[in-house]
Amino acid sequence: MKSDQFYSGGTKIRWTCKALLDLREISHATEISEMRGWRLGAIIHRLKSDYGWPIKTRYRSPEVVRQNWTAC
């Protein structure tokens, strides 16, 4: 059984959920500048895999490992 515990603070999870619900496209750079956080990928992963959130991932280019996320 998976734990309901996230390893990120509640305010960062709330910020991520609100940004996605507001249909914003967010990235690590956005999270760092707005929330001083470093775990956006982990939050997105948990929302998608454990909670079934319909989140799209967009990669910038094959040379640049950068992801942006939006709600479907």
PDB file of N, CA and C in Angstrom:
ATOM      1  N   MET A   1       0.843  -1.175   0.000  1.00  0.00           N
ATOM      2  CA  MET A   1       0.000   0.000   0.000  1.00  0.00           C
ATOM      3  C   MET A   1       0.889   1.239   0.000  1.00  0.00           C
ATOM      4  N   LYS A   2       0.526   2.196  -0.808  1.00  0.00           N
ATOM      5  CA  LYS A   2       1.304   3.431  -0.899  1.00  0.00           C
ATOM      6  C   LYS A   2       0.928   4.379   0.228  1.00  0.00           C
ATOM      7  N   SER A   3       1.899   5.119   0.660  1.00  0.00           N
ATOM      8  CA  SER A   3       1.685   6.107   1.706  1.00  0.00           C
ATOM      9  C   SER A   3       1.036   7.356   1.122  1.00  0.00           C
ATOM     10  N   ASP A   4       0.189   7.988   1.898  1.00  0.00           N
ATOM     11  CA  ASP A   4      -0.412   9.249   1.472  1.00  0.00           C
ATOM     12  C   ASP A   4       0.514  10.427   1.724  1.00  0.00           C
ATOM     13  N   GLN A   5       1.685  10.155   2.288  1.00  0.00           N
ATOM     14  CA  GLN A   5       2.616  11.225   2.620  1.00  0.00           C
ATOM     15  C   GLN A   5       3.378  11.693   1.393  1.00  0.00           C
ATOM     16  N   PHE A   6       3.382  12.987   1.181  1.00  0.00           N
ATOM     17  CA  PHE A   6       4.234  13.599   0.173  1.00  0.00           C
ATOM     18  C   PHE A   6       5.507  14.029   0.883  1.00  0.00           C
ATOM     19  N   TYR A   7       6.591  14.104   0.151  1.00  0.00           N
ATOM     20  CA  TYR A   7       7.841  14.573   0.748  1.00  0.00           C
ATOM     21  C   TYR A   7       8.114  16.011   0.334  1.00  0.00           C
ATOM     22  N   SER A   8       7.067  16.760   0.144  1.00  0.00           N
ATOM     23  CA  SER A   8       7.138  18.191  -0.128  1.00  0.00           C
ATOM     24  C   SER A   8       6.169  18.861   0.817  1.00  0.00           C
ATOM     25  N   GLY A   9       6.413  20.113   1.123  1.00  0.00           N
ATOM     26  CA  GLY A   9       5.531  20.833   2.020  1.00  0.00           C
ATOM     27  C   GLY A   9       4.145  21.026   1.421  1.00  0.00           C
ATOM     28  N   GLY A  10       3.150  21.098   2.288  1.00  0.00           N
ATOM     29  CA  GLY A  10       1.776  21.269   1.844  1.00  0.00           C
ATOM     30  C   GLY A  10       1.551  22.508   0.999  1.00  0.00           C
ATOM     31  N   THR A  11       2.272  23.572   1.282  1.00  0.00           N
ATOM     32  CA  THR A  11       2.079  24.790   0.496  1.00  0.00           C
ATOM     33  C   THR A  11       2.587  24.613  -0.934  1.00  0.00           C
ATOM     34  N   LYS A  12       3.644  23.846  -1.120  1.00  0.00           N
ATOM     35  CA  LYS A  12       4.155  23.603  -2.479  1.00  0.00           C
ATOM     36  C   LYS A  12       3.214  22.696  -3.264  1.00  0.00           C
ATOM     37  N   ILE A  13       2.639  21.717  -2.592  1.00  0.00           N
ATOM     38  CA  ILE A  13       1.660  20.844  -3.242  1.00  0.00           C
ATOM     39  C   ILE A  13       0.425  21.651  -3.598  1.00  0.00           C
ATOM     40  N   ARG A  14      -0.033  22.480  -2.684  1.00  0.00           N
ATOM     41  CA  ARG A  14      -1.198  23.319  -2.944  1.00  0.00           C
ATOM     42  C   ARG A  14      -0.931  24.256  -4.126  1.00  0.00           C
ATOM     43  N   TRP A  15       0.257  24.868  -4.151  1.00  0.00           N
ATOM     44  CA  TRP A  15       0.617  25.767  -5.249  1.00  0.00           C
ATOM     45  C   TRP A  15       0.571  25.023  -6.580  1.00  0.00           C
ATOM     46  N   THR A  16       1.129  23.817  -6.609  1.00  0.00           N
ATOM     47  CA  THR A  16       1.144  23.016  -7.835  1.00  0.00           C
ATOM     48  C   THR A  16      -0.274  22.692  -8.290  1.00  0.00           C
ATOM     49  N   CYS A  17      -1.099  22.204  -7.375  1.00  0.00           N
ATOM     50  CA  CYS A  17      -2.482  21.858  -7.725  1.00  0.00           C
ATOM     51  C   CYS A  17      -3.241  23.084  -8.217  1.00  0.00           C
ATOM     52  N   LYS A  18      -3.098  24.211  -7.532  1.00  0.00           N
ATOM     53  CA  LYS A  18      -3.808  25.422  -7.936  1.00  0.00           C
ATOM     54  C   LYS A  18      -3.333  25.899  -9.305  1.00  0.00           C
ATOM     55  N   ALA A  19      -2.026  25.870  -9.550  1.00  0.00           N
ATOM     56  CA  ALA A  19      -1.496  26.296 -10.843  1.00  0.00           C
ATOM     57  C   ALA A  19      -2.056  25.427 -11.968  1.00  0.00           C
ATOM     58  N   LEU A  20      -2.120  24.118 -11.742  1.00  0.00           N
ATOM     59  CA  LEU A  20      -2.658  23.223 -12.766  1.00  0.00           C
ATOM     60  C   LEU A  20      -4.158  23.441 -12.957  1.00  0.00           C
ATOM     61  N   LEU A  21      -4.885  23.614 -11.869  1.00  0.00           N
ATOM     62  CA  LEU A  21      -6.326  23.864 -11.975  1.00  0.00           C
ATOM     63  C   LEU A  21      -6.622  25.201 -12.654  1.00  0.00           C
ATOM     64  N   ASP A  22      -5.711  26.152 -12.522  1.00  0.00           N
ATOM     65  CA  ASP A  22      -5.843  27.444 -13.207  1.00  0.00           C
ATOM     66  C   ASP A  22      -5.381  27.364 -14.662  1.00  0.00           C
ATOM     67  N   LEU A  23      -5.040  26.147 -15.108  1.00  0.00           N
ATOM     68  CA  LEU A  23      -4.592  25.857 -16.479  1.00  0.00           C
ATOM     69  C   LEU A  23      -3.300  26.571 -16.855  1.00  0.00           C
ATOM     70  N   ARG A  24      -2.454  26.805 -15.857  1.00  0.00           N
ATOM     71  CA  ARG A  24      -1.137  27.382 -16.118  1.00  0.00           C
ATOM     72  C   ARG A  24      -0.193  26.297 -16.596  1.00  0.00           C
ATOM     73  N   GLU A  25       0.759  26.661 -17.424  1.00  0.00           N
ATOM     74  CA  GLU A  25       1.847  25.772 -17.776  1.00  0.00           C
ATOM     75  C   GLU A  25       2.969  26.087 -16.807  1.00  0.00           C
ATOM     76  N   ILE A  26       3.399  25.095 -16.048  1.00  0.00           N
ATOM     77  CA  ILE A  26       4.410  25.332 -15.023  1.00  0.00           C
ATOM     78  C   ILE A  26       5.643  24.488 -15.314  1.00  0.00           C
ATOM     79  N   SER A  27       6.764  24.943 -14.792  1.00  0.00           N
ATOM     80  CA  SER A  27       8.037  24.244 -14.958  1.00  0.00           C
ATOM     81  C   SER A  27       8.826  24.369 -13.655  1.00  0.00           C
ATOM     82  N   HIS A  28       9.974  23.711 -13.618  1.00  0.00           N
ATOM     83  CA  HIS A  28      10.833  23.835 -12.440  1.00  0.00           C
ATOM     84  C   HIS A  28      11.241  25.287 -12.222  1.00  0.00           C
ATOM     85  N   ALA A  29      11.525  25.992 -13.300  1.00  0.00           N
ATOM     86  CA  ALA A  29      11.922  27.401 -13.171  1.00  0.00           C
ATOM     87  C   ALA A  29      10.800  28.227 -12.549  1.00  0.00           C
ATOM     88  N   THR A  30       9.565  27.938 -12.929  1.00  0.00           N
ATOM     89  CA  THR A  30       8.416  28.642 -12.349  1.00  0.00           C
ATOM     90  C   THR A  30       8.331  28.358 -10.860  1.00  0.00           C
ATOM     91  N   GLU A  31       8.452  27.083 -10.493  1.00  0.00           N
ATOM     92  CA  GLU A  31       8.354  26.724  -9.080  1.00  0.00           C
ATOM     93  C   GLU A  31       9.483  27.348  -8.267  1.00  0.00           C
ATOM     94  N   ILE A  32      10.680  27.332  -8.802  1.00  0.00           N
ATOM     95  CA  ILE A  32      11.807  27.904  -8.074  1.00  0.00           C
ATOM     96  C   ILE A  32      11.604  29.394  -7.854  1.00  0.00           C
ATOM     97  N   SER A  33      11.161  30.103  -8.881  1.00  0.00           N
ATOM     98  CA  SER A  33      11.008  31.553  -8.736  1.00  0.00           C
ATOM     99  C   SER A  33       9.816  31.936  -7.867  1.00  0.00           C
ATOM    100  N   GLU A  34       8.739  31.159  -7.908  1.00  0.00           N
ATOM    101  CA  GLU A  34       7.539  31.532  -7.151  1.00  0.00           C
ATOM    102  C   GLU A  34       7.478  30.905  -5.759  1.00  0.00           C
ATOM    103  N   MET A  35       8.035  29.704  -5.596  1.00  0.00           N
ATOM    104  CA  MET A  35       7.873  28.989  -4.326  1.00  0.00           C
ATOM    105  C   MET A  35       9.177  28.579  -3.655  1.00  0.00           C
ATOM    106  N   ARG A  36      10.304  28.809  -4.323  1.00  0.00           N
ATOM    107  CA  ARG A  36      11.601  28.390  -3.789  1.00  0.00           C
ATOM    108  C   ARG A  36      11.628  26.881  -3.540  1.00  0.00           C
ATOM    109  N   GLY A  37      10.999  26.127  -4.441  1.00  0.00           N
ATOM    110  CA  GLY A  37      10.914  24.681  -4.286  1.00  0.00           C
ATOM    111  C   GLY A  37      11.765  23.962  -5.312  1.00  0.00           C
ATOM    112  N   TRP A  38      12.057  22.694  -5.026  1.00  0.00           N
ATOM    113  CA  TRP A  38      12.906  21.897  -5.907  1.00  0.00           C
ATOM    114  C   TRP A  38      12.310  20.530  -6.213  1.00  0.00           C
ATOM    115  N   ARG A  39      11.063  20.267  -5.843  1.00  0.00           N
ATOM    116  CA  ARG A  39      10.516  18.921  -5.962  1.00  0.00           C
ATOM    117  C   ARG A  39       9.295  18.850  -6.879  1.00  0.00           C
ATOM    118  N   LEU A  40       9.196  19.742  -7.842  1.00  0.00           N
ATOM    119  CA  LEU A  40       8.025  19.770  -8.713  1.00  0.00           C
ATOM    120  C   LEU A  40       7.847  18.456  -9.461  1.00  0.00           C
ATOM    121  N   GLY A  41       8.914  17.879  -9.961  1.00  0.00           N
ATOM    122  CA  GLY A  41       8.811  16.606 -10.670  1.00  0.00           C
ATOM    123  C   GLY A  41       8.210  15.514  -9.806  1.00  0.00           C
ATOM    124  N   ALA A  42       8.600  15.466  -8.545  1.00  0.00           N
ATOM    125  CA  ALA A  42       8.068  14.463  -7.624  1.00  0.00           C
ATOM    126  C   ALA A  42       6.587  14.705  -7.355  1.00  0.00           C
ATOM    127  N   ILE A  43       6.207  15.960  -7.192  1.00  0.00           N
ATOM    128  CA  ILE A  43       4.795  16.284  -6.956  1.00  0.00           C
ATOM    129  C   ILE A  43       3.967  15.895  -8.171  1.00  0.00           C
ATOM    130  N   ILE A  44       4.429  16.251  -9.364  1.00  0.00           N
ATOM    131  CA  ILE A  44       3.720  15.916 -10.594  1.00  0.00           C
ATOM    132  C   ILE A  44       3.585  14.402 -10.725  1.00  0.00           C
ATOM    133  N   HIS A  45       4.661  13.693 -10.461  1.00  0.00           N
ATOM    134  CA  HIS A  45       4.627  12.231 -10.560  1.00  0.00           C
ATOM    135  C   HIS A  45       3.563  11.642  -9.644  1.00  0.00           C
ATOM    136  N   ARG A  46       3.524  12.081  -8.401  1.00  0.00           N
ATOM    137  CA  ARG A  46       2.522  11.564  -7.447  1.00  0.00           C
ATOM    138  C   ARG A  46       1.110  11.914  -7.874  1.00  0.00           C
ATOM    139  N   LEU A  47       0.907  13.147  -8.350  1.00  0.00           N
ATOM    140  CA  LEU A  47      -0.439  13.532  -8.789  1.00  0.00           C
ATOM    141  C   LEU A  47      -0.900  12.670  -9.951  1.00  0.00           C
ATOM    142  N   LYS A  48       0.005  12.378 -10.887  1.00  0.00           N
ATOM    143  CA  LYS A  48      -0.355  11.574 -12.058  1.00  0.00           C
ATOM    144  C   LYS A  48      -0.530  10.101 -11.707  1.00  0.00           C
ATOM    145  N   SER A  49       0.453   9.519 -11.051  1.00  0.00           N
ATOM    146  CA  SER A  49       0.435   8.066 -10.850  1.00  0.00           C
ATOM    147  C   SER A  49      -0.454   7.616  -9.693  1.00  0.00           C
ATOM    148  N   ASP A  50      -0.444   8.343  -8.591  1.00  0.00           N
ATOM    149  CA  ASP A  50      -1.205   7.900  -7.417  1.00  0.00           C
ATOM    150  C   ASP A  50      -2.615   8.465  -7.353  1.00  0.00           C
ATOM    151  N   TYR A  51      -2.816   9.637  -7.944  1.00  0.00           N
ATOM    152  CA  TYR A  51      -4.116  10.286  -7.814  1.00  0.00           C
ATOM    153  C   TYR A  51      -4.843  10.462  -9.140  1.00  0.00           C
ATOM    154  N   GLY A  52      -4.233  10.032 -10.243  1.00  0.00           N
ATOM    155  CA  GLY A  52      -4.895  10.039 -11.537  1.00  0.00           C
ATOM    156  C   GLY A  52      -5.151  11.401 -12.157  1.00  0.00           C
ATOM    157  N   TRP A  53      -4.366  12.400 -11.788  1.00  0.00           N
ATOM    158  CA  TRP A  53      -4.547  13.724 -12.383  1.00  0.00           C
ATOM    159  C   TRP A  53      -4.177  13.659 -13.864  1.00  0.00           C
ATOM    160  N   PRO A  54      -4.993  14.248 -14.736  1.00  0.00           N
ATOM    161  CA  PRO A  54      -4.686  14.259 -16.171  1.00  0.00           C
ATOM    162  C   PRO A  54      -3.724  15.399 -16.502  1.00  0.00           C
ATOM    163  N   ILE A  55      -2.443  15.126 -16.390  1.00  0.00           N
ATOM    164  CA  ILE A  55      -1.419  16.149 -16.580  1.00  0.00           C
ATOM    165  C   ILE A  55      -0.607  15.813 -17.824  1.00  0.00           C
ATOM    166  N   LYS A  56      -0.429  16.801 -18.680  1.00  0.00           N
ATOM    167  CA  LYS A  56       0.381  16.635 -19.889  1.00  0.00           C
ATOM    168  C   LYS A  56       1.800  17.112 -19.601  1.00  0.00           C
ATOM    169  N   THR A  57       2.766  16.396 -20.156  1.00  0.00           N
ATOM    170  CA  THR A  57       4.171  16.788 -20.054  1.00  0.00           C
ATOM    171  C   THR A  57       4.633  17.246 -21.428  1.00  0.00           C
ATOM    172  N   ARG A  58       5.288  18.391 -21.474  1.00  0.00           N
ATOM    173  CA  ARG A  58       5.835  18.898 -22.736  1.00  0.00           C
ATOM    174  C   ARG A  58       7.336  19.090 -22.559  1.00  0.00           C
ATOM    175  N   TYR A  59       8.085  18.469 -23.446  1.00  0.00           N
ATOM    176  CA  TYR A  59       9.545  18.591 -23.418  1.00  0.00           C
ATOM    177  C   TYR A  59       9.957  19.678 -24.387  1.00  0.00           C
ATOM    178  N   ARG A  60      10.887  20.505 -23.996  1.00  0.00           N
ATOM    179  CA  ARG A  60      11.327  21.628 -24.824  1.00  0.00           C
ATOM    180  C   ARG A  60      12.004  21.152 -26.109  1.00  0.00           C
ATOM    181  N   SER A  61      13.010  20.307 -25.969  1.00  0.00           N
ATOM    182  CA  SER A  61      13.725  19.784 -27.136  1.00  0.00           C
ATOM    183  C   SER A  61      14.542  18.584 -26.676  1.00  0.00           C
ATOM    184  N   PRO A  62      14.984  17.749 -27.610  1.00  0.00           N
ATOM    185  CA  PRO A  62      15.788  16.591 -27.204  1.00  0.00           C
ATOM    186  C   PRO A  62      17.105  16.987 -26.527  1.00  0.00           C
ATOM    187  N   GLU A  63      17.651  18.148 -26.892  1.00  0.00           N
ATOM    188  CA  GLU A  63      18.930  18.571 -26.324  1.00  0.00           C
ATOM    189  C   GLU A  63      18.773  19.183 -24.931  1.00  0.00           C
ATOM    190  N   VAL A  64      17.622  19.739 -24.652  1.00  0.00           N
ATOM    191  CA  VAL A  64      17.395  20.417 -23.382  1.00  0.00           C
ATOM    192  C   VAL A  64      16.420  19.585 -22.557  1.00  0.00           C
ATOM    193  N   VAL A  65      16.885  19.109 -21.418  1.00  0.00           N
ATOM    194  CA  VAL A  65      16.011  18.323 -20.558  1.00  0.00           C
ATOM    195  C   VAL A  65      15.233  19.304 -19.689  1.00  0.00           C
ATOM    196  N   ARG A  66      14.090  19.699 -20.195  1.00  0.00           N
ATOM    197  CA  ARG A  66      13.235  20.631 -19.466  1.00  0.00           C
ATOM    198  C   ARG A  66      11.803  20.232 -19.731  1.00  0.00           C
ATOM    199  N   GLN A  67      11.030  20.169 -18.676  1.00  0.00           N
ATOM    200  CA  GLN A  67       9.653  19.752 -18.822  1.00  0.00           C
ATOM    201  C   GLN A  67       8.723  20.848 -18.338  1.00  0.00           C
ATOM    202  N   ASN A  68       7.620  20.968 -19.031  1.00  0.00           N
ATOM    203  CA  ASN A  68       6.543  21.842 -18.597  1.00  0.00           C
ATOM    204  C   ASN A  68       5.305  20.973 -18.430  1.00  0.00           C
ATOM    205  N   TRP A  69       4.492  21.319 -17.461  1.00  0.00           N
ATOM    206  CA  TRP A  69       3.296  20.530 -17.199  1.00  0.00           C
ATOM    207  C   TRP A  69       2.055  21.395 -17.284  1.00  0.00           C
ATOM    208  N   THR A  70       0.974  20.822 -17.804  1.00  0.00           N
ATOM    209  CA  THR A  70      -0.333  21.473 -17.843  1.00  0.00           C
ATOM    210  C   THR A  70      -1.391  20.426 -17.549  1.00  0.00           C
ATOM    211  N   ALA A  71      -2.509  20.875 -17.032  1.00  0.00           N
ATOM    212  CA  ALA A  71      -3.639  19.977 -16.839  1.00  0.00           C
ATOM    213  C   ALA A  71      -4.342  19.784 -18.169  1.00  0.00           C
ATOM    214  N   CYS A  72      -4.898  18.615 -18.368  1.00  0.00           N
ATOM    215  CA  CYS A  72      -5.609  18.318 -19.623  1.00  0.00           C
ATOM    216  C   CYS A  72      -6.971  18.992 -19.630  1.00  0.00           C
TER     217      CYS A  72
END
